[in-house]
Protein backbone atom coordinates (compact mmCIF):
# COMPACT_ATOMS: atom_id res chain seq x y z
CA MET A 1 36.68 -23.54 -5.04
CA THR A 2 36.00 -25.92 -7.90
CA LYS A 3 34.71 -24.80 -11.25
CA ARG A 4 31.41 -26.68 -10.68
CA SER A 5 30.61 -24.91 -7.36
CA TYR A 6 31.52 -21.57 -8.94
CA ASN A 7 29.10 -22.20 -11.83
CA LEU A 8 26.32 -23.25 -9.43
CA GLY A 9 26.83 -20.04 -7.47
CA ARG A 10 26.69 -17.94 -10.65
CA ARG A 11 23.56 -19.80 -11.78
CA ALA A 12 21.84 -19.24 -8.40
CA GLU A 13 22.75 -15.55 -8.51
CA SER A 14 21.41 -15.27 -12.04
CA ALA A 15 18.18 -17.10 -11.08
CA GLY A 16 17.69 -14.71 -8.17
CA GLU A 17 18.23 -11.72 -10.42
CA THR A 18 15.80 -13.11 -13.01
CA ARG A 19 13.15 -13.71 -10.35
CA GLN A 20 13.60 -10.15 -9.07
CA ARG A 21 13.21 -8.78 -12.61
CA LEU A 22 10.00 -10.79 -12.99
CA VAL A 23 8.64 -9.49 -9.68
CA GLU A 24 9.47 -5.89 -10.60
CA ALA A 25 7.90 -6.36 -14.05
CA THR A 26 4.76 -7.78 -12.42
CA ALA A 27 4.52 -4.79 -10.07
CA ALA A 28 5.06 -2.28 -12.89
CA LEU A 29 2.39 -3.89 -15.07
CA HIS A 30 -0.09 -4.12 -12.19
CA HIS A 31 0.47 -0.44 -11.44
CA GLU A 32 -0.08 0.49 -15.08
CA ARG A 33 -2.95 -1.82 -16.05
CA GLY A 34 -4.36 -3.48 -12.95
CA ILE A 35 -4.05 -7.17 -12.13
CA SER A 36 -6.66 -8.82 -14.35
CA ALA A 37 -5.35 -7.12 -17.49
CA VAL A 38 -1.91 -8.74 -17.09
CA SER A 39 -0.72 -12.28 -17.87
CA LEU A 40 2.52 -14.14 -17.21
CA ARG A 41 3.27 -13.72 -20.92
CA ASP A 42 3.09 -9.92 -20.41
CA VAL A 43 5.34 -10.20 -17.36
CA ALA A 44 7.90 -12.29 -19.26
CA GLU A 45 7.93 -9.81 -22.12
CA ARG A 46 8.39 -6.84 -19.77
CA ALA A 47 11.19 -8.64 -17.87
CA GLY A 48 12.92 -9.64 -21.11
CA VAL A 49 12.76 -13.40 -20.48
CA SER A 50 10.99 -16.32 -22.11
CA VAL A 51 7.50 -17.36 -21.04
CA GLY A 52 9.01 -20.70 -19.95
CA THR A 53 11.40 -18.87 -17.62
CA ALA A 54 8.49 -16.94 -16.11
CA TYR A 55 6.59 -20.19 -15.49
CA HIS A 56 9.72 -21.76 -14.02
CA HIS A 57 9.81 -19.05 -11.34
CA PHE A 58 6.03 -18.69 -10.98
CA PRO A 59 4.10 -21.88 -11.90
CA THR A 60 0.83 -19.90 -11.76
CA TYR A 61 -0.08 -16.26 -12.20
CA LEU A 62 -1.29 -16.29 -8.59
CA ASP A 63 2.29 -17.13 -7.52
CA ALA A 64 3.49 -14.02 -9.36
CA ILE A 65 0.77 -11.93 -7.69
CA ARG A 66 1.80 -13.26 -4.28
CA ALA A 67 5.47 -12.40 -4.92
CA CYS A 68 4.44 -8.96 -6.16
CA ALA A 69 2.40 -8.35 -2.99
CA ALA A 70 5.39 -9.28 -0.82
CA HIS A 71 7.65 -7.02 -2.90
CA THR A 72 5.23 -4.10 -2.56
CA ALA A 73 4.99 -4.55 1.21
CA VAL A 74 8.77 -4.07 1.40
CA THR A 75 9.13 -1.26 -1.15
CA SER A 76 6.03 0.76 -0.14
CA PRO A 77 5.63 0.43 3.64
CA LEU A 78 3.13 2.52 5.55
CA PRO A 79 4.50 5.46 7.53
CA PRO A 80 5.91 4.28 10.88
CA GLU A 81 4.31 5.15 14.20
CA SER A 82 7.46 7.13 15.03
CA ILE A 83 6.04 10.00 12.91
CA LEU A 84 4.03 10.86 16.03
CA ASP A 85 7.03 10.94 18.37
CA GLY A 86 7.20 14.17 20.35
CA ILE A 87 3.76 15.40 19.24
CA ARG A 88 1.43 15.71 22.24
CA GLY A 89 -1.87 17.27 21.22
CA VAL A 90 -4.45 15.12 19.42
CA ASP A 91 -5.10 17.84 16.80
CA GLU A 92 -1.42 18.03 15.92
CA ARG A 93 -1.05 14.22 15.96
CA VAL A 94 -4.01 13.78 13.61
CA LEU A 95 -2.69 16.43 11.23
CA ALA A 96 0.79 14.85 11.27
CA LEU A 97 -0.69 11.43 10.47
CA VAL A 98 -2.92 12.77 7.69
CA ARG A 99 0.04 14.63 6.14
CA GLU A 100 2.16 11.48 6.14
CA LEU A 101 -0.63 9.33 4.72
CA CYS A 102 -1.36 11.87 1.98
CA GLN A 103 2.32 11.83 1.00
CA TRP A 104 2.19 8.02 1.02
CA TYR A 105 -0.95 8.06 -1.17
CA GLU A 106 0.78 10.42 -3.59
CA ARG A 107 3.54 7.81 -4.00
CA GLN A 108 1.00 4.99 -4.59
CA PRO A 109 -1.20 6.30 -7.44
CA TRP A 110 -2.00 2.69 -8.37
CA LEU A 111 -3.44 1.75 -4.96
CA GLU A 112 -7.11 2.37 -5.80
CA ARG A 113 -6.84 0.40 -9.06
CA ILE A 114 -5.29 -2.59 -7.31
CA ARG A 115 -7.69 -2.38 -4.36
CA ALA A 116 -10.65 -2.61 -6.76
CA GLU A 117 -9.52 -6.15 -7.62
CA ARG A 118 -8.89 -7.33 -4.07
CA SER A 119 -11.79 -9.78 -3.94
CA LEU A 120 -10.50 -11.57 -7.05
CA TYR A 121 -7.07 -12.50 -5.68
CA PRO A 122 -6.43 -13.77 -2.11
CA PRO A 123 -2.90 -12.27 -1.88
CA VAL A 124 -4.30 -8.84 -2.79
CA GLU A 125 -7.11 -9.21 -0.25
CA GLU A 126 -4.51 -10.08 2.41
CA SER A 127 -2.31 -7.13 1.45
CA MET A 128 -5.17 -4.64 1.46
CA THR A 129 -6.43 -5.94 4.81
CA TYR A 130 -2.91 -5.57 6.21
CA VAL A 131 -2.71 -1.96 4.97
CA GLU A 132 -6.14 -1.11 6.37
CA ARG A 133 -5.29 -2.57 9.78
CA GLY A 134 -1.99 -0.70 9.76
CA ILE A 135 -3.76 2.58 9.05
CA GLU A 136 -6.32 1.89 11.79
CA GLN A 137 -3.48 1.27 14.25
CA LEU A 138 -1.81 4.53 13.24
CA VAL A 139 -5.15 6.31 13.70
CA ARG A 140 -5.60 4.80 17.17
CA SER A 141 -2.15 6.04 18.14
CA ALA A 142 -2.69 9.50 16.67
CA ALA A 143 -6.27 10.15 17.83
CA ARG A 144 -6.10 8.08 21.04
CA CYS A 145 -9.48 6.59 20.15
CA THR A 146 -11.36 3.29 20.28
CA PRO A 147 -11.05 0.66 17.53
CA ASP A 148 -14.56 1.53 16.30
CA GLU A 149 -13.69 5.24 16.11
CA ALA A 150 -10.43 4.38 14.36
CA ARG A 151 -12.34 2.54 11.61
CA THR A 152 -14.50 5.61 11.02
CA ILE A 153 -11.48 7.92 10.93
CA ALA A 154 -9.65 5.53 8.61
CA ALA A 155 -12.62 5.83 6.22
CA LEU A 156 -12.42 9.64 6.41
CA ILE A 157 -8.72 9.59 5.52
CA ASP A 158 -8.95 6.86 2.89
CA ILE A 159 -7.09 7.24 -0.40
CA ALA A 160 -10.44 7.58 -2.19
CA VAL A 161 -11.10 10.81 -0.24
CA TYR A 162 -7.61 12.07 -0.99
CA THR A 163 -8.01 11.25 -4.69
CA ALA A 164 -11.47 12.86 -4.90
CA LEU A 165 -10.15 16.11 -3.44
CA ARG A 166 -7.14 16.11 -5.77
CA ARG A 167 -9.30 15.35 -8.83
CA GLY A 168 -11.60 18.17 -7.76
CA GLY A 169 -8.68 20.56 -8.14
CA MET A 170 -7.53 20.96 -4.55
CA PRO A 171 -3.75 21.45 -4.37
CA ALA A 172 -1.89 18.59 -2.69
CA ALA A 173 -0.59 20.94 0.01
CA ARG A 174 -4.16 21.80 1.14
CA VAL A 175 -5.61 18.29 1.19
CA PRO A 176 -4.15 17.12 4.53
CA GLY A 177 -5.51 20.16 6.37
CA ARG A 178 -8.98 19.73 4.89
CA ILE A 179 -9.10 16.02 5.75
CA ALA A 180 -7.74 16.65 9.26
CA GLU A 181 -10.45 19.30 9.81
CA ALA A 182 -13.15 16.77 8.93
CA VAL A 183 -11.62 14.12 11.19
CA LEU A 184 -11.27 16.48 14.13
CA ALA A 185 -14.81 17.84 13.70
CA TRP A 186 -16.15 14.29 13.74
CA LEU A 187 -14.03 13.42 16.79
CA ARG A 188 -15.28 16.46 18.69
CA SER A 189 -18.91 15.67 17.91
CA THR A 190 -18.39 12.06 19.00
CA THR A 191 -16.77 13.19 22.25
CA LYS A 192 -19.69 15.58 22.96
CA LYS A 193 -22.24 12.82 22.37
CA ARG A 194 -20.32 10.48 24.66
CA ARG A 195 -20.23 13.09 27.42
CA SER A 196 -23.93 13.96 27.14
CA SER A 197 -25.10 10.35 27.28
């Protein structure tokens, strides 16, 4: 290996590490402040690089947001459908899903803040839509329901509901049961209406 190819390899490795630091700094700042309150200058400062280096990796702030969204999709994935493996009854499946989602929400305290800015940034809109569709698919698998019913249930188990219950003083351990009760009550009433019509 020649000295030149060795140096190019080291430079590429260093550029990759710098880009990763910038992406992680972007994510941390978004989680702390929201998206609109952050600039590439803030990102560069947090990552410990020059503003020029930040612009070299991300020519626009939207490029940094897009990279941050991709990073978050990898580091904070939704619970997998396998959480329902071996659980037969709908009541138990719904409770298992709600428990997993509540634990996921607990690990994403920034989600509501970021979601509030979704309409301002296309990559955030795409990410939030992807999350919502993923949750609806999990609901369909758990509750064995129609897509329309899944959208309603997804609204009942949304992070805003979880957060409201927690802010109201409900212990985290009780929240999944309370949400699951509401979901199952709604499902039962929907099933009764369907049967009577």
